[in-house]
Each structure stands twice: as structure tokens, then as C-alpha cells.
Amino acid sequence: MASVKPCISCGEEIEEGVWFCWKCNEDQRRPDPTRRDGQVAAGVSAASVAEPSASAPVVRCPACGVEGLPGETICRQCEAPLPEGAVGDAQASATTSVTVARLDGRTADIQLSSFMLGREPESPLAEELSRYLNVSRRHLLVAIQGERTMITDLGSTNGTYVDGHPISPWQPSEVLEGQTIRLGADCALRLSTRGPRSF
């Protein structure tokens, strides 16, 4: 017989190694084994409820900002794909410089390895993009993965196009230097990790 342990949320006995409780559907990989009501689940020692290590990297969704667990590839809140090595703000700010260029020649340098583009305040270009009503609040995720630039449409209302071709929502797509990305009907831009002179 397989060993059992209590669910970290409801206390129901579940088999060791099972990731989700059959009763409450709580993810057992969650680092904080307190129940949703703030109480320690039955059978969980108080020592295991200690705060997560400060040295452990925090995985943060660039689309919605919700913290996840290291190793997760999909955000539990908004279901956006998490880029490889997505980390908290402190580490992300020291990574890659991405130049976003509008086709009218204006550029912006963004010092993050992953970021969301849209009209929401979390977007580094929110003020600029808020003028485009057909750009969604959370339109596009940009993630630099090594030498590759990946974009993911975050289920936008009016879609994302690369060189005139639509990309599937929630599916990461690689874009190359010089390719034109269009958000909705009329917001066109290009991305570069080589600086504005590459356009």
C-alpha cells in the first residue's frame, strides 16, 4: 500500500507523490503548507510552515505578476506561459535589454528578460499603448530565452500578427530581428536585443 500524507489545504489523506488533492484540488507543491483559512493543515508539522528561503528564486508571471513555484511553466492565475528562468523583479531587472521600436522611428529600451505589453499599468509601454483601443490590456508576453526572442499572445481580443500572419493565442512563437509585430489593427513594432541600430 502506498504511503499517504494530509493535503496541505484541507487535511484529506492523499497518496504520497500526488500533486493535487482529489477533494479540494489544491496543488500539493505549494511551498506554504497552510490551509486557505490560514491554519496549518492537520498532520503538517509547524517547522515545515517556515517562510520560504530568501535564496530560493521566486517565479513571477510577467503577464499578471502572480508568484508561482520554481519549475512551473504555466501561470496558475492567468495560464500564460512562463518563460524559462522567470524570476522575481530583482533578478529580472539585471538581465537583457530589449529595444522596442515603433515603425514611426520612436524606440524604448526595456531592461527585462520578460515583460508584458498592453494597456495595463504593469506594461512598460502602458502609456504609449493606451492610445490604441484595439490593443488589449494584457496583449503580448515578450520573453528573451538565450539567443531567442519569444512572444506569446495572451488571449488578446484583436490578435497578434508577425509579418502579417496571425499567431495562435497562448502558444509561444519565435520572432527574428527585423520582423514586424502588429498588436490588434494598427500598433506595429519591432523587437531587438542588439539595440536600435539593428532596425
C-alpha atoms as a PDB file:
ATOM      1  CA  MET A   1       0.000   0.000   0.000  1.00  0.00           C
ATOM      2  CA  ALA A   2       1.294   3.479  -0.914  1.00  0.00           C
ATOM      3  CA  SER A   3       2.102   5.881   1.896  1.00  0.00           C
ATOM      4  CA  VAL A   4      -0.316   8.733   2.493  1.00  0.00           C
ATOM      5  CA  LYS A   5       0.013  12.289   3.739  1.00  0.00           C
ATOM      6  CA  PRO A   6      -2.504  15.009   4.612  1.00  0.00           C
ATOM      7  CA  CYS A   7      -3.489  17.563   1.987  1.00  0.00           C
ATOM      8  CA  ILE A   8      -1.799  20.894   2.768  1.00  0.00           C
ATOM      9  CA  SER A   9      -5.127  22.686   2.327  1.00  0.00           C
ATOM     10  CA  CYS A  10      -7.983  20.516   3.607  1.00  0.00           C
ATOM     11  CA  GLY A  11      -6.163  17.764   5.525  1.00  0.00           C
ATOM     12  CA  GLU A  12      -7.685  14.926   3.467  1.00  0.00           C
ATOM     13  CA  GLU A  13      -5.385  11.906   3.197  1.00  0.00           C
ATOM     14  CA  ILE A  14      -3.808  11.592  -0.254  1.00  0.00           C
ATOM     15  CA  GLU A  15      -1.113   9.330  -1.645  1.00  0.00           C
ATOM     16  CA  GLU A  16       2.494  10.489  -1.363  1.00  0.00           C
ATOM     17  CA  GLY A  17       3.673  11.974  -4.681  1.00  0.00           C
ATOM     18  CA  VAL A  18       0.196  13.099  -5.835  1.00  0.00           C
ATOM     19  CA  TRP A  19       0.316  16.752  -6.884  1.00  0.00           C
ATOM     20  CA  PHE A  20      -3.371  17.673  -6.491  1.00  0.00           C
ATOM     21  CA  CYS A  21      -5.831  16.784  -3.737  1.00  0.00           C
ATOM     22  CA  TRP A  22      -8.821  14.849  -5.065  1.00  0.00           C
ATOM     23  CA  LYS A  23     -11.149  16.622  -2.613  1.00  0.00           C
ATOM     24  CA  CYS A  24     -10.181  20.321  -2.796  1.00  0.00           C
ATOM     25  CA  ASN A  25      -7.939  20.262  -5.911  1.00  0.00           C
ATOM     26  CA  GLU A  26      -5.158  22.138  -4.057  1.00  0.00           C
ATOM     27  CA  ASP A  27      -1.664  21.921  -5.576  1.00  0.00           C
ATOM     28  CA  GLN A  28       0.472  19.971  -3.082  1.00  0.00           C
ATOM     29  CA  ARG A  29       3.697  21.521  -4.448  1.00  0.00           C
ATOM     30  CA  ARG A  30       2.739  24.869  -2.906  1.00  0.00           C
ATOM     31  CA  PRO A  31       5.634  25.878  -0.623  1.00  0.00           C
ATOM     32  CA  ASP A  32       3.450  27.181   2.205  1.00  0.00           C
ATOM     33  CA  PRO A  33       1.506  24.271   3.738  1.00  0.00           C
ATOM     34  CA  THR A  34      -1.080  26.459   5.447  1.00  0.00           C
ATOM     35  CA  ARG A  35      -4.679  25.976   4.554  1.00  0.00           C
ATOM     36  CA  ARG A  36      -6.549  28.717   2.774  1.00  0.00           C
ATOM     37  CA  ASP A  37      -8.129  29.695   6.092  1.00  0.00           C
ATOM     38  CA  GLY A  38      -4.625  30.374   7.478  1.00  0.00           C
ATOM     39  CA  GLN A  39      -4.492  27.320   9.756  1.00  0.00           C
ATOM     40  CA  VAL A  40      -1.797  24.656   9.482  1.00  0.00           C
ATOM     41  CA  ALA A  41      -3.225  21.544   7.822  1.00  0.00           C
ATOM     42  CA  ALA A  42      -3.720  18.512  10.063  1.00  0.00           C
ATOM     43  CA  GLY A  43      -0.626  16.343  10.261  1.00  0.00           C
ATOM     44  CA  VAL A  44       1.749  19.042   8.976  1.00  0.00           C
ATOM     45  CA  SER A  45       4.497  19.982  11.423  1.00  0.00           C
ATOM     46  CA  ALA A  46       4.839  23.630  12.386  1.00  0.00           C
ATOM     47  CA  ALA A  47       8.506  23.507  11.338  1.00  0.00           C
ATOM     48  CA  SER A  48       7.513  22.805   7.742  1.00  0.00           C
ATOM     49  CA  VAL A  49       5.468  26.016   7.671  1.00  0.00           C
ATOM     50  CA  ALA A  50       8.579  28.199   7.853  1.00  0.00           C
ATOM     51  CA  GLU A  51       8.912  31.033   5.414  1.00  0.00           C
ATOM     52  CA  PRO A  52      10.476  30.070   2.064  1.00  0.00           C
ATOM     53  CA  SER A  53      14.231  30.574   1.860  1.00  0.00           C
ATOM     54  CA  ALA A  54      15.248  34.050   0.791  1.00  0.00           C
ATOM     55  CA  SER A  55      17.799  32.486  -1.562  1.00  0.00           C
ATOM     56  CA  ALA A  56      15.151  30.448  -3.417  1.00  0.00           C
ATOM     57  CA  PRO A  57      14.216  32.193  -6.686  1.00  0.00           C
ATOM     58  CA  VAL A  58      10.665  33.490  -6.895  1.00  0.00           C
ATOM     59  CA  VAL A  59       8.930  32.641 -10.145  1.00  0.00           C
ATOM     60  CA  ARG A  60       6.729  35.549 -11.210  1.00  0.00           C
ATOM     61  CA  CYS A  61       4.349  35.598 -14.155  1.00  0.00           C
ATOM     62  CA  PRO A  62       5.258  38.524 -16.420  1.00  0.00           C
ATOM     63  CA  ALA A  63       1.662  38.753 -17.621  1.00  0.00           C
ATOM     64  CA  CYS A  64      -0.192  39.023 -14.294  1.00  0.00           C
ATOM     65  CA  GLY A  65       2.574  39.218 -11.663  1.00  0.00           C
ATOM     66  CA  VAL A  66       1.372  36.255  -9.590  1.00  0.00           C
ATOM     67  CA  GLU A  67       4.123  34.305  -7.835  1.00  0.00           C
ATOM     68  CA  GLY A  68       4.399  30.647  -8.720  1.00  0.00           C
ATOM     69  CA  LEU A  69       6.661  27.749  -7.916  1.00  0.00           C
ATOM     70  CA  PRO A  70      10.146  27.196  -9.349  1.00  0.00           C
ATOM     71  CA  GLY A  71       9.934  24.858 -12.316  1.00  0.00           C
ATOM     72  CA  GLU A  72       6.362  25.755 -13.309  1.00  0.00           C
ATOM     73  CA  THR A  73       5.878  26.517 -16.990  1.00  0.00           C
ATOM     74  CA  ILE A  74       2.277  27.829 -16.897  1.00  0.00           C
ATOM     75  CA  CYS A  75       0.888  30.541 -14.607  1.00  0.00           C
ATOM     76  CA  ARG A  76      -1.859  29.174 -12.354  1.00  0.00           C
ATOM     77  CA  GLN A  77      -3.692  32.513 -12.292  1.00  0.00           C
ATOM     78  CA  CYS A  78      -3.867  33.563 -15.954  1.00  0.00           C
ATOM     79  CA  GLU A  79      -2.497  30.401 -17.635  1.00  0.00           C
ATOM     80  CA  ALA A  80       0.109  32.408 -19.528  1.00  0.00           C
ATOM     81  CA  PRO A  81       3.298  30.511 -20.345  1.00  0.00           C
ATOM     82  CA  LEU A  82       6.165  31.327 -18.020  1.00  0.00           C
ATOM     83  CA  PRO A  83       9.462  31.964 -19.807  1.00  0.00           C
ATOM     84  CA  GLU A  84      12.412  29.785 -18.884  1.00  0.00           C
ATOM     85  CA  GLY A  85      14.107  31.257 -15.859  1.00  0.00           C
ATOM     86  CA  ALA A  86      11.250  33.640 -14.997  1.00  0.00           C
ATOM     87  CA  VAL A  87      12.252  35.185 -11.711  1.00  0.00           C
ATOM     88  CA  GLY A  88      11.293  37.971  -9.368  1.00  0.00           C
ATOM     89  CA  ASP A  89      11.775  41.622 -10.224  1.00  0.00           C
ATOM     90  CA  ALA A  90      15.216  41.943  -8.614  1.00  0.00           C
ATOM     91  CA  GLN A  91      16.849  39.329 -10.819  1.00  0.00           C
ATOM     92  CA  ALA A  92      14.863  40.093 -13.958  1.00  0.00           C
ATOM     93  CA  SER A  93      15.865  43.756 -13.967  1.00  0.00           C
ATOM     94  CA  ALA A  94      19.536  42.844 -14.324  1.00  0.00           C
ATOM     95  CA  THR A  95      19.211  40.717 -17.439  1.00  0.00           C
ATOM     96  CA  THR A  96      18.592  41.642 -21.066  1.00  0.00           C
ATOM     97  CA  SER A  97      17.992  44.952 -22.792  1.00  0.00           C
ATOM     98  CA  VAL A  98      15.233  44.828 -25.391  1.00  0.00           C
ATOM     99  CA  THR A  99      14.654  47.714 -27.766  1.00  0.00           C
ATOM    100  CA  VAL A 100      11.040  48.149 -28.847  1.00  0.00           C
ATOM    101  CA  ALA A 101      10.759  50.270 -31.991  1.00  0.00           C
ATOM    102  CA  ARG A 102       7.584  51.667 -33.463  1.00  0.00           C
ATOM    103  CA  LEU A 103       7.536  51.980 -37.208  1.00  0.00           C
ATOM    104  CA  ASP A 104       7.481  55.790 -36.913  1.00  0.00           C
ATOM    105  CA  GLY A 105      11.053  55.565 -35.564  1.00  0.00           C
ATOM    106  CA  ARG A 106      10.440  56.048 -31.831  1.00  0.00           C
ATOM    107  CA  THR A 107      12.167  53.491 -29.611  1.00  0.00           C
ATOM    108  CA  ALA A 108      12.145  52.393 -25.972  1.00  0.00           C
ATOM    109  CA  ASP A 109      14.762  50.294 -24.171  1.00  0.00           C
ATOM    110  CA  ILE A 110      13.381  47.815 -21.654  1.00  0.00           C
ATOM    111  CA  GLN A 111      15.812  46.233 -19.176  1.00  0.00           C
ATOM    112  CA  LEU A 112      13.914  42.989 -18.520  1.00  0.00           C
ATOM    113  CA  SER A 113      14.234  39.438 -19.831  1.00  0.00           C
ATOM    114  CA  SER A 114      10.437  39.093 -19.933  1.00  0.00           C
ATOM    115  CA  PHE A 115       7.632  41.632 -19.890  1.00  0.00           C
ATOM    116  CA  MET A 116       4.018  42.088 -20.859  1.00  0.00           C
ATOM    117  CA  LEU A 117       2.885  44.593 -23.483  1.00  0.00           C
ATOM    118  CA  GLY A 118      -0.593  46.055 -23.250  1.00  0.00           C
ATOM    119  CA  ARG A 119      -2.613  48.916 -21.771  1.00  0.00           C
ATOM    120  CA  GLU A 120      -2.330  47.678 -18.142  1.00  0.00           C
ATOM    121  CA  PRO A 121      -0.078  49.776 -15.855  1.00  0.00           C
ATOM    122  CA  GLU A 122       2.310  46.790 -15.427  1.00  0.00           C
ATOM    123  CA  SER A 123       3.302  47.116 -19.085  1.00  0.00           C
ATOM    124  CA  PRO A 124       6.494  49.147 -19.552  1.00  0.00           C
ATOM    125  CA  LEU A 125       4.791  50.835 -22.537  1.00  0.00           C
ATOM    126  CA  ALA A 126       1.313  51.230 -20.986  1.00  0.00           C
ATOM    127  CA  GLU A 127       1.130  54.981 -21.562  1.00  0.00           C
ATOM    128  CA  GLU A 128       2.081  54.622 -25.221  1.00  0.00           C
ATOM    129  CA  LEU A 129      -0.147  51.597 -25.881  1.00  0.00           C
ATOM    130  CA  SER A 130      -3.192  53.060 -24.100  1.00  0.00           C
ATOM    131  CA  ARG A 131      -3.774  55.224 -27.196  1.00  0.00           C
ATOM    132  CA  TYR A 132      -4.572  52.082 -29.194  1.00  0.00           C
ATOM    133  CA  LEU A 133      -8.057  50.914 -28.226  1.00  0.00           C
ATOM    134  CA  ASN A 134      -7.655  47.665 -30.165  1.00  0.00           C
ATOM    135  CA  VAL A 135      -4.638  46.674 -28.023  1.00  0.00           C
ATOM    136  CA  SER A 136      -5.791  44.517 -25.122  1.00  0.00           C
ATOM    137  CA  ARG A 137      -4.993  45.366 -21.517  1.00  0.00           C
ATOM    138  CA  ARG A 138      -2.722  42.273 -21.400  1.00  0.00           C
ATOM    139  CA  HIS A 139      -1.936  41.695 -25.037  1.00  0.00           C
ATOM    140  CA  LEU A 140       1.508  40.150 -25.516  1.00  0.00           C
ATOM    141  CA  LEU A 141       4.229  38.473 -23.473  1.00  0.00           C
ATOM    142  CA  VAL A 142       7.816  39.033 -24.639  1.00  0.00           C
ATOM    143  CA  ALA A 143      10.474  36.675 -23.266  1.00  0.00           C
ATOM    144  CA  ILE A 144      14.167  36.515 -24.112  1.00  0.00           C
ATOM    145  CA  GLN A 145      15.362  32.926 -23.838  1.00  0.00           C
ATOM    146  CA  GLY A 146      19.080  32.760 -24.536  1.00  0.00           C
ATOM    147  CA  GLU A 147      19.535  33.956 -28.106  1.00  0.00           C
ATOM    148  CA  ARG A 148      15.831  33.615 -28.950  1.00  0.00           C
ATOM    149  CA  THR A 149      13.079  36.225 -28.664  1.00  0.00           C
ATOM    150  CA  MET A 150       9.751  34.565 -27.926  1.00  0.00           C
ATOM    151  CA  ILE A 151       6.329  36.218 -27.968  1.00  0.00           C
ATOM    152  CA  THR A 152       3.023  34.854 -26.721  1.00  0.00           C
ATOM    153  CA  ASP A 153      -0.373  36.377 -27.443  1.00  0.00           C
ATOM    154  CA  LEU A 154      -2.174  36.441 -24.072  1.00  0.00           C
ATOM    155  CA  GLY A 155      -5.624  35.734 -25.484  1.00  0.00           C
ATOM    156  CA  SER A 156      -5.979  39.264 -26.845  1.00  0.00           C
ATOM    157  CA  THR A 157      -9.282  40.339 -28.373  1.00  0.00           C
ATOM    158  CA  ASN A 158      -7.839  41.568 -31.686  1.00  0.00           C
ATOM    159  CA  GLY A 159      -4.908  39.211 -32.087  1.00  0.00           C
ATOM    160  CA  THR A 160      -1.185  39.489 -32.741  1.00  0.00           C
ATOM    161  CA  TYR A 161       0.434  39.261 -36.175  1.00  0.00           C
ATOM    162  CA  VAL A 162       4.039  38.631 -37.219  1.00  0.00           C
ATOM    163  CA  ASP A 163       4.813  39.960 -40.697  1.00  0.00           C
ATOM    164  CA  GLY A 164       1.069  39.960 -41.381  1.00  0.00           C
ATOM    165  CA  HIS A 165       0.442  36.380 -40.236  1.00  0.00           C
ATOM    166  CA  PRO A 166      -1.658  35.744 -37.103  1.00  0.00           C
ATOM    167  CA  ILE A 167      -0.085  33.807 -34.245  1.00  0.00           C
ATOM    168  CA  SER A 168      -2.095  31.415 -32.080  1.00  0.00           C
ATOM    169  CA  PRO A 169      -3.003  32.681 -28.617  1.00  0.00           C
ATOM    170  CA  TRP A 170      -1.201  31.117 -25.651  1.00  0.00           C
ATOM    171  CA  GLN A 171       1.383  29.483 -27.966  1.00  0.00           C
ATOM    172  CA  PRO A 172       4.936  30.880 -27.736  1.00  0.00           C
ATOM    173  CA  SER A 173       6.310  31.921 -31.145  1.00  0.00           C
ATOM    174  CA  GLU A 174       9.851  32.925 -32.025  1.00  0.00           C
ATOM    175  CA  VAL A 175      10.364  36.292 -33.722  1.00  0.00           C
ATOM    176  CA  LEU A 176      13.504  37.234 -35.583  1.00  0.00           C
ATOM    177  CA  GLU A 177      15.311  40.563 -35.717  1.00  0.00           C
ATOM    178  CA  GLY A 178      13.541  42.832 -38.203  1.00  0.00           C
ATOM    179  CA  GLN A 179      10.175  41.065 -38.198  1.00  0.00           C
ATOM    180  CA  THR A 180       7.164  43.337 -37.716  1.00  0.00           C
ATOM    181  CA  ILE A 181       4.798  42.533 -34.850  1.00  0.00           C
ATOM    182  CA  ARG A 182       1.323  44.027 -35.016  1.00  0.00           C
ATOM    183  CA  LEU A 183      -0.886  44.245 -31.942  1.00  0.00           C
ATOM    184  CA  GLY A 184      -4.507  44.445 -32.998  1.00  0.00           C
ATOM    185  CA  ALA A 185      -5.255  46.503 -36.103  1.00  0.00           C
ATOM    186  CA  ASP A 186      -2.710  49.302 -36.132  1.00  0.00           C
ATOM    187  CA  CYS A 187       0.016  49.098 -33.468  1.00  0.00           C
ATOM    188  CA  ALA A 188       3.116  47.845 -35.274  1.00  0.00           C
ATOM    189  CA  LEU A 189       6.530  47.432 -33.675  1.00  0.00           C
ATOM    190  CA  ARG A 190       9.812  45.542 -33.860  1.00  0.00           C
ATOM    191  CA  LEU A 191      11.937  43.988 -31.124  1.00  0.00           C
ATOM    192  CA  SER A 192      15.715  43.852 -30.962  1.00  0.00           C
ATOM    193  CA  THR A 193      18.229  42.645 -28.421  1.00  0.00           C
ATOM    194  CA  ARG A 194      21.010  44.318 -30.450  1.00  0.00           C
ATOM    195  CA  GLY A 195      19.935  47.918 -29.921  1.00  0.00           C
ATOM    196  CA  PRO A 196      18.153  50.461 -32.144  1.00  0.00           C
ATOM    197  CA  ARG A 197      20.831  50.402 -34.865  1.00  0.00           C
ATOM    198  CA  SER A 198      19.665  46.926 -35.912  1.00  0.00           C
ATOM    199  CA  PHE A 199      16.403  48.275 -37.375  1.00  0.00           C
END
